[in-house]
C-alpha atoms as a PDB file:
ATOM      1  CA  MET A   1       2.163  12.680 -14.014  1.00  0.00           C
ATOM      2  CA  LYS A   2       1.492  13.014 -18.083  1.00  0.00           C
ATOM      3  CA  ALA A   3       4.011   9.989 -18.053  1.00  0.00           C
ATOM      4  CA  ALA A   4       1.758   7.844 -15.851  1.00  0.00           C
ATOM      5  CA  HIS A   5      -0.927   8.994 -17.891  1.00  0.00           C
ATOM      6  CA  ASP A   6       0.653   8.026 -20.993  1.00  0.00           C
ATOM      7  CA  ALA A   7       1.473   4.831 -19.357  1.00  0.00           C
ATOM      8  CA  GLY A   8      -2.839   3.728 -19.048  1.00  0.00           C
ATOM      9  CA  PHE A   9      -2.366   5.192 -15.089  1.00  0.00           C
ATOM     10  CA  ARG A  10      -5.566   6.248 -14.064  1.00  0.00           C
ATOM     11  CA  ALA A  11      -4.314   6.690  -9.954  1.00  0.00           C
ATOM     12  CA  ILE A  12      -1.303   7.733  -8.198  1.00  0.00           C
ATOM     13  CA  VAL A  13      -0.201   6.779  -4.346  1.00  0.00           C
ATOM     14  CA  LEU A  14       1.613  10.501  -3.298  1.00  0.00           C
ATOM     15  CA  SER A  15       2.728   9.710   0.414  1.00  0.00           C
ATOM     16  CA  ALA A  16       2.875  12.062   3.647  1.00  0.00           C
ATOM     17  CA  LEU A  17       5.702  11.001   6.346  1.00  0.00           C
ATOM     18  CA  TRP A  18       4.120  12.318   9.611  1.00  0.00           C
ATOM     19  CA  GLU A  19       6.842  12.530  12.402  1.00  0.00           C
ATOM     20  CA  PRO A  20       5.886  13.977  16.079  1.00  0.00           C
ATOM     21  CA  GLY A  21       5.563  17.770  15.878  1.00  0.00           C
ATOM     22  CA  ALA A  22       5.472  18.000  11.932  1.00  0.00           C
ATOM     23  CA  PRO A  23       2.989  20.811  10.789  1.00  0.00           C
ATOM     24  CA  ALA A  24       1.049  19.567   7.784  1.00  0.00           C
ATOM     25  CA  ASN A  25       1.584  22.882   6.726  1.00  0.00           C
ATOM     26  CA  ALA A  26       5.460  21.716   5.531  1.00  0.00           C
ATOM     27  CA  ALA A  27       4.458  18.578   4.056  1.00  0.00           C
ATOM     28  CA  LEU A  28       1.734  20.809   1.782  1.00  0.00           C
ATOM     29  CA  PRO A  29       3.071  22.924  -0.817  1.00  0.00           C
ATOM     30  CA  PRO A  30       4.984  19.560  -2.467  1.00  0.00           C
ATOM     31  CA  LEU A  31       1.820  17.996  -1.743  1.00  0.00           C
ATOM     32  CA  ARG A  32      -0.268  20.645  -3.144  1.00  0.00           C
ATOM     33  CA  ARG A  33       2.055  21.285  -6.793  1.00  0.00           C
ATOM     34  CA  ALA A  34       1.707  16.910  -7.290  1.00  0.00           C
ATOM     35  CA  VAL A  35      -2.265  16.904  -6.388  1.00  0.00           C
ATOM     36  CA  ASP A  36      -2.433  19.853  -9.424  1.00  0.00           C
ATOM     37  CA  ALA A  37      -0.468  18.009 -11.395  1.00  0.00           C
ATOM     38  CA  ALA A  38      -2.046  14.703 -11.106  1.00  0.00           C
ATOM     39  CA  THR A  39      -6.145  16.762 -11.583  1.00  0.00           C
ATOM     40  CA  GLU A  40      -4.072  18.712 -15.210  1.00  0.00           C
ATOM     41  CA  ASN A  41      -3.838  14.544 -16.481  1.00  0.00           C
ATOM     42  CA  GLU A  42      -7.320  13.214 -14.914  1.00  0.00           C
ATOM     43  CA  ILE A  43      -5.350  10.729 -12.519  1.00  0.00           C
ATOM     44  CA  GLU A  44      -7.027  10.830  -9.160  1.00  0.00           C
ATOM     45  CA  PRO A  45      -4.404  11.496  -6.603  1.00  0.00           C
ATOM     46  CA  VAL A  46      -4.204   9.117  -3.364  1.00  0.00           C
ATOM     47  CA  LEU A  47      -3.137  10.435  -0.440  1.00  0.00           C
ATOM     48  CA  ALA A  48      -1.274   7.896   2.399  1.00  0.00           C
ATOM     49  CA  VAL A  49      -0.251   8.842   5.620  1.00  0.00           C
ATOM     50  CA  TYR A  50       2.579   7.057   7.392  1.00  0.00           C
ATOM     51  CA  GLN A  51       5.440   7.223  10.084  1.00  0.00           C
ATOM     52  CA  LEU A  52       8.348   5.079  10.316  1.00  0.00           C
ATOM     53  CA  SER A  53       8.578   2.879  13.350  1.00  0.00           C
ATOM     54  CA  SER A  54      11.063   5.135  15.338  1.00  0.00           C
ATOM     55  CA  ALA A  55       7.294   7.776  15.122  1.00  0.00           C
ATOM     56  CA  THR A  56       5.045   4.895  16.021  1.00  0.00           C
ATOM     57  CA  PRO A  57       2.501   7.079  17.420  1.00  0.00           C
ATOM     58  CA  LEU A  58       1.075   4.654  20.120  1.00  0.00           C
ATOM     59  CA  GLU A  59       0.640   7.140  23.408  1.00  0.00           C
ATOM     60  CA  PRO A  60      -2.919   8.713  22.802  1.00  0.00           C
ATOM     61  CA  SER A  61      -1.366  11.956  22.237  1.00  0.00           C
ATOM     62  CA  ALA A  62       0.647  10.818  19.370  1.00  0.00           C
ATOM     63  CA  ARG A  63      -2.222   9.241  17.770  1.00  0.00           C
ATOM     64  CA  THR A  64      -4.692  12.203  18.396  1.00  0.00           C
ATOM     65  CA  ALA A  65      -1.139  14.705  16.109  1.00  0.00           C
ATOM     66  CA  PHE A  66      -1.356  11.478  13.317  1.00  0.00           C
ATOM     67  CA  ALA A  67      -5.118  12.251  12.981  1.00  0.00           C
ATOM     68  CA  GLU A  68      -5.233  15.427  13.012  1.00  0.00           C
ATOM     69  CA  PHE A  69      -1.883  16.091  10.954  1.00  0.00           C
ATOM     70  CA  ALA A  70      -3.869  13.561   8.006  1.00  0.00           C
ATOM     71  CA  ALA A  71      -7.548  15.715   8.595  1.00  0.00           C
ATOM     72  CA  SER A  72      -5.471  18.721   7.653  1.00  0.00           C
ATOM     73  CA  LEU A  73      -3.971  17.743   4.898  1.00  0.00           C
ATOM     74  CA  ALA A  74      -7.121  16.467   3.879  1.00  0.00           C
ATOM     75  CA  ARG A  75      -9.437  19.058   3.969  1.00  0.00           C
ATOM     76  CA  ARG A  76      -6.683  21.669   2.628  1.00  0.00           C
ATOM     77  CA  LEU A  77      -6.225  19.271  -0.809  1.00  0.00           C
ATOM     78  CA  PRO A  78     -10.197  18.585  -1.347  1.00  0.00           C
ATOM     79  CA  ASP A  79      -8.798  16.952  -4.664  1.00  0.00           C
ATOM     80  CA  VAL A  80      -7.891  14.306  -2.608  1.00  0.00           C
ATOM     81  CA  ARG A  81     -10.760  11.698  -1.887  1.00  0.00           C
ATOM     82  CA  THR A  82      -9.096   8.720  -0.826  1.00  0.00           C
ATOM     83  CA  VAL A  83      -7.001   8.547   1.830  1.00  0.00           C
ATOM     84  CA  ILE A  84      -4.734   5.397   3.198  1.00  0.00           C
ATOM     85  CA  VAL A  85      -3.643   5.282   6.948  1.00  0.00           C
ATOM     86  CA  GLY A  86      -0.356   3.768   7.269  1.00  0.00           C
ATOM     87  CA  ASN A  87       2.234   2.475   5.178  1.00  0.00           C
ATOM     88  CA  GLU A  88       3.286  -1.978   6.120  1.00  0.00           C
ATOM     89  CA  PRO A  89       2.087  -1.707   9.853  1.00  0.00           C
ATOM     90  CA  ASN A  90       3.132  -5.776   9.864  1.00  0.00           C
ATOM     91  CA  LEU A  91       6.621  -4.624   9.418  1.00  0.00           C
ATOM     92  CA  ASN A  92       9.105  -3.051  12.020  1.00  0.00           C
ATOM     93  CA  LEU A  93      10.607  -1.048   9.679  1.00  0.00           C
ATOM     94  CA  PHE A  94       7.125   1.151   9.920  1.00  0.00           C
ATOM     95  CA  TRP A  95       5.421  -0.441  13.074  1.00  0.00           C
ATOM     96  CA  MET A  96       7.638  -1.485  16.641  1.00  0.00           C
ATOM     97  CA  PRO A  97       6.813  -3.288  18.132  1.00  0.00           C
ATOM     98  CA  GLN A  98       5.662  -5.450  16.713  1.00  0.00           C
ATOM     99  CA  PHE A  99       4.976  -8.306  19.740  1.00  0.00           C
ATOM    100  CA  ALA A 100       5.121  -7.882  23.116  1.00  0.00           C
ATOM    101  CA  ALA A 101       7.168  -9.184  25.725  1.00  0.00           C
ATOM    102  CA  ASP A 102       5.220 -12.222  26.427  1.00  0.00           C
ATOM    103  CA  GLY A 103       5.419 -13.022  22.381  1.00  0.00           C
ATOM    104  CA  SER A 104       1.611 -11.937  21.550  1.00  0.00           C
ATOM    105  CA  ASP A 105       0.867  -9.114  19.127  1.00  0.00           C
ATOM    106  CA  ALA A 106       1.203  -5.650  19.426  1.00  0.00           C
ATOM    107  CA  ALA A 107       1.571  -4.221  16.575  1.00  0.00           C
ATOM    108  CA  ALA A 108      -2.188  -4.549  15.139  1.00  0.00           C
ATOM    109  CA  SER A 109      -3.691  -4.219  18.154  1.00  0.00           C
ATOM    110  CA  ALA A 110      -1.747  -0.299  18.645  1.00  0.00           C
ATOM    111  CA  TYR A 111      -2.632  -0.082  14.957  1.00  0.00           C
ATOM    112  CA  GLU A 112      -6.362  -0.404  15.166  1.00  0.00           C
ATOM    113  CA  PRO A 113      -6.542   2.471  17.533  1.00  0.00           C
ATOM    114  CA  LEU A 114      -4.617   4.968  15.314  1.00  0.00           C
ATOM    115  CA  LEU A 115      -6.944   3.786  12.128  1.00  0.00           C
ATOM    116  CA  ALA A 116     -10.075   4.513  14.221  1.00  0.00           C
ATOM    117  CA  GLU A 117      -9.304   7.993  15.742  1.00  0.00           C
ATOM    118  CA  THR A 118      -7.986   8.509  11.963  1.00  0.00           C
ATOM    119  CA  TYR A 119     -10.676   7.218  10.178  1.00  0.00           C
ATOM    120  CA  ASP A 120     -12.910   9.033  12.656  1.00  0.00           C
ATOM    121  CA  ALA A 121     -10.869  12.558  11.897  1.00  0.00           C
ATOM    122  CA  LEU A 122     -10.877  12.173   8.293  1.00  0.00           C
ATOM    123  CA  LYS A 123     -15.095  11.398   7.808  1.00  0.00           C
ATOM    124  CA  ASP A 124     -15.118  14.165  10.099  1.00  0.00           C
ATOM    125  CA  VAL A 125     -13.646  16.367   7.311  1.00  0.00           C
ATOM    126  CA  ASP A 126     -15.976  14.988   4.422  1.00  0.00           C
ATOM    127  CA  PRO A 127     -18.035  11.767   5.177  1.00  0.00           C
ATOM    128  CA  ASP A 128     -17.167  11.127   1.339  1.00  0.00           C
ATOM    129  CA  LEU A 129     -13.789  10.085   1.764  1.00  0.00           C
ATOM    130  CA  THR A 130     -12.902   7.095   1.317  1.00  0.00           C
ATOM    131  CA  VAL A 131     -10.788   5.631   3.945  1.00  0.00           C
ATOM    132  CA  VAL A 132      -7.953   2.622   3.700  1.00  0.00           C
ATOM    133  CA  GLY A 133      -6.487   0.727   5.884  1.00  0.00           C
ATOM    134  CA  GLY A 134      -4.295  -2.303   6.012  1.00  0.00           C
ATOM    135  CA  ALA A 135      -1.858  -1.224   3.263  1.00  0.00           C
ATOM    136  CA  LEU A 136       0.313  -4.699   4.349  1.00  0.00           C
ATOM    137  CA  ALA A 137       3.045  -6.333   3.338  1.00  0.00           C
ATOM    138  CA  PRO A 138       2.452  -9.585   2.003  1.00  0.00           C
ATOM    139  CA  ARG A 139       5.123 -11.625   4.171  1.00  0.00           C
ATOM    140  CA  GLY A 140       5.911 -11.459   8.039  1.00  0.00           C
ATOM    141  CA  ALA A 141       8.273 -14.776  10.262  1.00  0.00           C
ATOM    142  CA  ASP A 142       5.095 -14.630  13.320  1.00  0.00           C
ATOM    143  CA  ASP A 143       8.654 -15.145  15.159  1.00  0.00           C
ATOM    144  CA  PRO A 144       8.284 -12.981  18.418  1.00  0.00           C
ATOM    145  CA  ASP A 145      12.174 -13.978  19.024  1.00  0.00           C
ATOM    146  CA  ALA A 146      13.051 -13.321  14.959  1.00  0.00           C
ATOM    147  CA  THR A 147      16.125 -10.864  14.959  1.00  0.00           C
ATOM    148  CA  ARG A 148      13.312  -8.552  12.259  1.00  0.00           C
ATOM    149  CA  GLN A 149      10.512  -8.829  13.639  1.00  0.00           C
ATOM    150  CA  THR A 150       7.403  -9.075  11.691  1.00  0.00           C
ATOM    151  CA  HIS A 151       3.981 -10.359  10.741  1.00  0.00           C
ATOM    152  CA  SER A 152       2.648 -12.304   7.977  1.00  0.00           C
ATOM    153  CA  PRO A 153      -1.089 -10.126   6.747  1.00  0.00           C
ATOM    154  CA  THR A 154      -2.813 -13.806   7.329  1.00  0.00           C
ATOM    155  CA  GLN A 155      -1.846 -13.035  11.238  1.00  0.00           C
ATOM    156  CA  PHE A 156      -2.213  -9.115  11.264  1.00  0.00           C
ATOM    157  CA  ILE A 157      -5.792  -9.310   9.641  1.00  0.00           C
ATOM    158  CA  ALA A 158      -7.048 -11.669  12.563  1.00  0.00           C
ATOM    159  CA  ASP A 159      -4.977  -9.880  15.217  1.00  0.00           C
ATOM    160  CA  LEU A 160      -6.959  -6.703  13.561  1.00  0.00           C
ATOM    161  CA  GLY A 161     -10.071  -8.426  14.298  1.00  0.00           C
ATOM    162  CA  ARG A 162      -9.482  -9.549  17.392  1.00  0.00           C
ATOM    163  CA  ALA A 163      -8.764  -5.775  18.653  1.00  0.00           C
ATOM    164  CA  TYR A 164     -11.544  -4.001  17.029  1.00  0.00           C
ATOM    165  CA  ARG A 165     -14.012  -6.657  18.318  1.00  0.00           C
ATOM    166  CA  ALA A 166     -12.735  -5.926  21.692  1.00  0.00           C
ATOM    167  CA  SER A 167     -12.937  -2.482  21.577  1.00  0.00           C
ATOM    168  CA  GLY A 168     -16.724  -2.198  21.334  1.00  0.00           C
ATOM    169  CA  ARG A 169     -16.396   0.344  18.502  1.00  0.00           C
ATOM    170  CA  LYS A 170     -19.846   0.228  16.608  1.00  0.00           C
ATOM    171  CA  GLN A 171     -18.830   2.228  13.582  1.00  0.00           C
ATOM    172  CA  PRO A 172     -16.171   0.791  11.056  1.00  0.00           C
ATOM    173  CA  LEU A 173     -12.648   1.329  10.571  1.00  0.00           C
ATOM    174  CA  MET A 174     -12.060   1.711   6.636  1.00  0.00           C
ATOM    175  CA  ASP A 175     -13.850   1.547   3.765  1.00  0.00           C
ATOM    176  CA  ALA A 176     -11.422  -0.254   2.071  1.00  0.00           C
ATOM    177  CA  PHE A 177      -8.479  -2.911   2.703  1.00  0.00           C
ATOM    178  CA  ALA A 178      -4.971  -2.481   0.826  1.00  0.00           C
ATOM    179  CA  LEU A 179      -2.197  -4.982   0.521  1.00  0.00           C
ATOM    180  CA  HIS A 180       1.161  -4.995  -1.161  1.00  0.00           C
ATOM    181  CA  PRO A 181       0.900  -8.482  -3.214  1.00  0.00           C
ATOM    182  CA  TYR A 182       4.680  -7.659  -4.533  1.00  0.00           C
ATOM    183  CA  GLY A 183       5.714 -11.631  -5.019  1.00  0.00           C
ATOM    184  CA  GLU A 184       8.537 -13.227  -2.681  1.00  0.00           C
ATOM    185  CA  SER A 185      11.055 -12.477  -6.078  1.00  0.00           C
ATOM    186  CA  PRO A 186      10.897 -10.709  -9.144  1.00  0.00           C
ATOM    187  CA  ARG A 187      10.653 -14.029 -10.738  1.00  0.00           C
ATOM    188  CA  VAL A 188       7.301 -14.938  -8.667  1.00  0.00           C
ATOM    189  CA  PRO A 189       4.076 -14.796 -10.970  1.00  0.00           C
ATOM    190  CA  PRO A 190       1.131 -12.871  -9.772  1.00  0.00           C
ATOM    191  CA  THR A 191      -0.992 -16.452 -10.922  1.00  0.00           C
ATOM    192  CA  LEU A 192       1.581 -18.007  -7.857  1.00  0.00           C
ATOM    193  CA  ARG A 193      -0.910 -19.071  -4.955  1.00  0.00           C
ATOM    194  CA  HIS A 194       0.359 -19.681  -1.148  1.00  0.00           C
ATOM    195  CA  PRO A 195      -2.055 -22.082   0.149  1.00  0.00           C
ATOM    196  CA  ARG A 196      -0.075 -23.169   2.731  1.00  0.00           C
ATOM    197  CA  SER A 197       1.448 -20.528   4.018  1.00  0.00           C
ATOM    198  CA  SER A 198       0.181 -16.999   5.591  1.00  0.00           C
ATOM    199  CA  SER A 199       1.708 -14.880   2.727  1.00  0.00           C
ATOM    200  CA  LEU A 200      -0.681 -13.233   0.342  1.00  0.00           C
ATOM    201  CA  GLY A 201      -0.710 -12.549  -3.386  1.00  0.00           C
ATOM    202  CA  ILE A 202      -3.244 -11.494  -5.817  1.00  0.00           C
ATOM    203  CA  ALA A 203      -4.168 -14.994  -6.848  1.00  0.00           C
ATOM    204  CA  ASP A 204      -4.544 -15.829  -2.964  1.00  0.00           C
ATOM    205  CA  TYR A 205      -7.629 -13.319  -3.167  1.00  0.00           C
ATOM    206  CA  PRO A 206      -9.949 -16.186  -2.264  1.00  0.00           C
ATOM    207  CA  LYS A 207      -7.498 -16.114   1.006  1.00  0.00           C
ATOM    208  CA  LEU A 208      -7.944 -12.712   1.382  1.00  0.00           C
ATOM    209  CA  VAL A 209     -11.867 -12.301   1.259  1.00  0.00           C
ATOM    210  CA  ARG A 210     -11.511 -15.560   3.479  1.00  0.00           C
ATOM    211  CA  LEU A 211      -9.412 -13.584   6.225  1.00  0.00           C
ATOM    212  CA  LEU A 212     -11.255 -10.519   5.952  1.00  0.00           C
ATOM    213  CA  GLY A 213     -14.901 -12.749   6.885  1.00  0.00           C
ATOM    214  CA  GLN A 214     -13.240 -14.008   9.492  1.00  0.00           C
ATOM    215  CA  ALA A 215     -12.053 -10.511  11.086  1.00  0.00           C
ATOM    216  CA  PHE A 216     -15.050  -8.419  10.882  1.00  0.00           C
ATOM    217  CA  ASP A 217     -18.342 -10.466   9.527  1.00  0.00           C
ATOM    218  CA  ARG A 218     -21.403  -9.558  11.641  1.00  0.00           C
ATOM    219  CA  THR A 219     -19.986  -6.806  12.982  1.00  0.00           C
ATOM    220  CA  ALA A 220     -19.958  -2.807  12.411  1.00  0.00           C
ATOM    221  CA  GLN A 221     -16.994  -3.303   9.623  1.00  0.00           C
ATOM    222  CA  PRO A 222     -17.396  -5.158   6.624  1.00  0.00           C
ATOM    223  CA  GLY A 223     -15.556  -7.966   5.999  1.00  0.00           C
ATOM    224  CA  SER A 224     -15.775 -10.622   2.852  1.00  0.00           C
ATOM    225  CA  LYS A 225     -17.930  -7.556   1.307  1.00  0.00           C
ATOM    226  CA  LEU A 226     -14.891  -4.830   1.741  1.00  0.00           C
ATOM    227  CA  PRO A 227     -13.420  -3.677  -0.979  1.00  0.00           C
ATOM    228  CA  VAL A 228      -9.843  -4.279  -1.738  1.00  0.00           C
ATOM    229  CA  LEU A 229      -6.936  -2.159  -3.362  1.00  0.00           C
ATOM    230  CA  TYR A 230      -3.702  -3.632  -3.926  1.00  0.00           C
ATOM    231  CA  THR A 231      -1.981  -0.257  -3.511  1.00  0.00           C
ATOM    232  CA  GLU A 232       2.015  -1.378  -4.757  1.00  0.00           C
ATOM    233  CA  TYR A 233       2.774  -3.656  -6.817  1.00  0.00           C
ATOM    234  CA  GLY A 234       6.338  -4.254  -8.875  1.00  0.00           C
ATOM    235  CA  VAL A 235       8.647  -6.604 -11.140  1.00  0.00           C
ATOM    236  CA  GLU A 236      12.097  -5.235 -11.245  1.00  0.00           C
ATOM    237  CA  THR A 237      13.508  -5.680 -14.489  1.00  0.00           C
ATOM    238  CA  THR A 238      17.343  -5.691 -15.672  1.00  0.00           C
ATOM    239  CA  VAL A 239      18.815  -2.317 -17.223  1.00  0.00           C
ATOM    240  CA  PRO A 240      20.206  -3.106 -20.505  1.00  0.00           C
ATOM    241  CA  THR A 241      23.527  -1.668 -21.367  1.00  0.00           C
ATOM    242  CA  ALA A 242      22.285   1.591 -22.910  1.00  0.00           C
ATOM    243  CA  GLN A 243      20.589   2.453 -19.928  1.00  0.00           C
ATOM    244  CA  LYS A 244      23.636   1.981 -17.156  1.00  0.00           C
ATOM    245  CA  PRO A 245      24.806   5.272 -17.306  1.00  0.00           C
ATOM    246  CA  ALA A 246      21.664   6.495 -15.753  1.00  0.00           C
ATOM    247  CA  TYR A 247      22.093   4.182 -12.444  1.00  0.00           C
ATOM    248  CA  THR A 248      24.283   3.548  -9.438  1.00  0.00           C
ATOM    249  CA  GLY A 249      25.282   1.720  -6.916  1.00  0.00           C
ATOM    250  CA  HIS A 250      24.416  -1.890  -7.015  1.00  0.00           C
ATOM    251  CA  GLU A 251      21.862  -4.724  -7.996  1.00  0.00           C
ATOM    252  CA  VAL A 252      20.675  -6.315  -5.218  1.00  0.00           C
ATOM    253  CA  VAL A 253      17.842  -9.001  -6.143  1.00  0.00           C
ATOM    254  CA  GLU A 254      17.717 -10.871  -9.371  1.00  0.00           C
ATOM    255  CA  PRO A 255      15.610  -8.903 -11.577  1.00  0.00           C
ATOM    256  CA  VAL A 256      13.842 -10.143 -14.345  1.00  0.00           C
ATOM    257  CA  ASP A 257      13.810  -8.936 -18.330  1.00  0.00           C
ATOM    258  CA  ALA A 258      11.622  -6.270 -19.335  1.00  0.00           C
ATOM    259  CA  SER A 259       9.445  -8.283 -21.461  1.00  0.00           C
ATOM    260  CA  ILE A 260       8.370 -11.093 -18.273  1.00  0.00           C
ATOM    261  CA  GLN A 261       7.607  -8.062 -16.292  1.00  0.00           C
ATOM    262  CA  ALA A 262       5.265  -6.874 -19.592  1.00  0.00           C
ATOM    263  CA  ARG A 263       3.894 -10.077 -19.303  1.00  0.00           C
ATOM    264  CA  TYR A 264       3.529  -9.800 -15.077  1.00  0.00           C
ATOM    265  CA  TYR A 265       1.977  -6.918 -15.044  1.00  0.00           C
ATOM    266  CA  THR A 266      -0.596  -7.800 -17.757  1.00  0.00           C
ATOM    267  CA  GLN A 267      -1.802 -10.690 -15.687  1.00  0.00           C
ATOM    268  CA  ALA A 268      -1.883  -9.292 -12.496  1.00  0.00           C
ATOM    269  CA  ILE A 269      -3.748  -6.434 -14.293  1.00  0.00           C
ATOM    270  CA  ARG A 270      -6.538  -9.141 -15.367  1.00  0.00           C
ATOM    271  CA  LEU A 271      -6.365 -11.270 -12.832  1.00  0.00           C
ATOM    272  CA  ALA A 272      -7.210  -8.317 -10.140  1.00  0.00           C
ATOM    273  CA  ARG A 273     -10.082  -7.214 -12.960  1.00  0.00           C
ATOM    274  CA  ARG A 274     -11.375 -10.487 -12.409  1.00  0.00           C
ATOM    275  CA  GLN A 275     -12.007 -10.660  -8.687  1.00  0.00           C
ATOM    276  CA  PRO A 276     -15.544  -8.987  -7.759  1.00  0.00           C
ATOM    277  CA  THR A 277     -13.972  -6.782  -4.845  1.00  0.00           C
ATOM    278  CA  VAL A 278     -10.882  -5.621  -6.082  1.00  0.00           C
ATOM    279  CA  ALA A 279     -11.232  -1.791  -6.682  1.00  0.00           C
ATOM    280  CA  GLY A 280      -7.830  -0.975  -7.829  1.00  0.00           C
ATOM    281  CA  ILE A 281      -4.167  -1.805  -8.510  1.00  0.00           C
ATOM    282  CA  TYR A 282      -1.451   0.611  -8.591  1.00  0.00           C
ATOM    283  CA  LEU A 283       2.173  -0.337 -10.009  1.00  0.00           C
ATOM    284  CA  PHE A 284       5.125   0.923  -8.234  1.00  0.00           C
ATOM    285  CA  HIS A 285       6.676   3.209  -9.790  1.00  0.00           C
ATOM    286  CA  VAL A 286       6.445   5.419 -13.270  1.00  0.00           C
ATOM    287  CA  ASP A 287      10.294   5.407 -13.564  1.00  0.00           C
ATOM    288  CA  ASP A 288      13.107   2.853 -12.240  1.00  0.00           C
ATOM    289  CA  GLU A 289      14.551   4.244  -9.216  1.00  0.00           C
ATOM    290  CA  THR A 290      17.933   5.161 -10.266  1.00  0.00           C
ATOM    291  CA  ARG A 291      19.959   3.290  -7.441  1.00  0.00           C
ATOM    292  CA  LEU A 292      19.992   0.153  -8.010  1.00  0.00           C
ATOM    293  CA  GLU A 293      19.178  -0.913  -4.018  1.00  0.00           C
ATOM    294  CA  GLY A 294      16.070   0.017  -4.793  1.00  0.00           C
ATOM    295  CA  LEU A 295      13.371  -0.615  -7.228  1.00  0.00           C
ATOM    296  CA  GLN A 296      13.685  -1.359 -11.276  1.00  0.00           C
ATOM    297  CA  SER A 297      10.315  -1.500 -11.463  1.00  0.00           C
ATOM    298  CA  GLY A 298       9.053   1.056 -13.621  1.00  0.00           C
ATOM    299  CA  VAL A 299       7.410   1.226 -16.554  1.00  0.00           C
ATOM    300  CA  ARG A 300       9.860   3.609 -17.949  1.00  0.00           C
ATOM    301  CA  TYR A 301      13.546   3.006 -17.163  1.00  0.00           C
ATOM    302  CA  ALA A 302      15.697   5.804 -15.275  1.00  0.00           C
ATOM    303  CA  ASP A 303      16.474   8.124 -18.755  1.00  0.00           C
ATOM    304  CA  ARG A 304      13.020   8.065 -18.882  1.00  0.00           C
ATOM    305  CA  THR A 305      12.863   5.176 -21.713  1.00  0.00           C
ATOM    306  CA  PRO A 306       9.820   3.341 -22.030  1.00  0.00           C
ATOM    307  CA  LYS A 307       9.718  -0.322 -21.356  1.00  0.00           C
ATOM    308  CA  PRO A 308       7.335  -3.187 -23.102  1.00  0.00           C
ATOM    309  CA  SER A 309       5.471  -2.854 -19.499  1.00  0.00           C
ATOM    310  CA  LEU A 310       4.496   0.809 -20.609  1.00  0.00           C
ATOM    311  CA  GLY A 311       2.781  -0.357 -24.046  1.00  0.00           C
ATOM    312  CA  ALA A 312       1.364  -3.497 -22.477  1.00  0.00           C
ATOM    313  CA  VAL A 313      -0.247  -1.998 -18.895  1.00  0.00           C
ATOM    314  CA  ARG A 314      -1.375   0.961 -20.851  1.00  0.00           C
ATOM    315  CA  ARG A 315      -3.415  -1.854 -23.285  1.00  0.00           C
ATOM    316  CA  ALA A 316      -3.940  -3.889 -20.456  1.00  0.00           C
ATOM    317  CA  SER A 317      -6.128  -0.911 -18.882  1.00  0.00           C
ATOM    318  CA  LEU A 318      -7.847   0.011 -21.440  1.00  0.00           C
ATOM    319  CA  ARG A 319      -9.918  -3.579 -21.970  1.00  0.00           C
ATOM    320  CA  PRO A 320     -11.765  -6.029 -20.098  1.00  0.00           C
END
């Protein structure tokens, strides 16, 4: 947490993985230590509660258990003021099924009641908690016949809006919407727009606002004026020879030089700051993952050596 603060980070996301039958008590000790460390270093702790697709809460009893798990953690972690519900439910890694047997949507229409029930459970704990929905991956195929079934964020937002309207709910689903605006590869800058595709990046902010408006405006759920959080963004870097002993495995993408990462992180922060409803951008990670198959997108190498992006992020976070 001290390393995160020194890099200019002012908020950090902590994960709580839900599984059927898992009590909140089991997840609480490490979360409490992390929350305490964050607050001691003037960092806002944000809690993300989600599951893997093998544990997708589709039945009413499972949704209730998930909502109670999230509410129990929020009740016992009073320094947490923001809770993200779900993680990339438009991907089959975190949500299954994505499509019904007839090829129609099954993901957003099942995520909507989970988000609604968890929203209500969290507001019962504290009406001032900020409940964040979405946390969508930036791309998806929208193909029910694909081997790996996924939805684009464009389609998922539309489906979520239809499910909400069909539910007849008179209360909101969320206080903010989250997106993970990763580029198609580390070489893609955050300034790239996707006007002719269903993908969403940071530069597609006008399209995102339009999609949220089409999905939710003129309902109890704010749409085009809904606060937006970019809760995961990262650019992977190459590993210099001196730092290679800290890593294992083999790289699976084509990373960029650390100076390019610094430039992209600066651009991303400045872009987000100019977008009126964007409330924050979260870089993933503070330190690189040691496995090269993972993400080497930190502002420090795995041995804690600073990258050029550390100073760039710190400067960008302090300047308008």
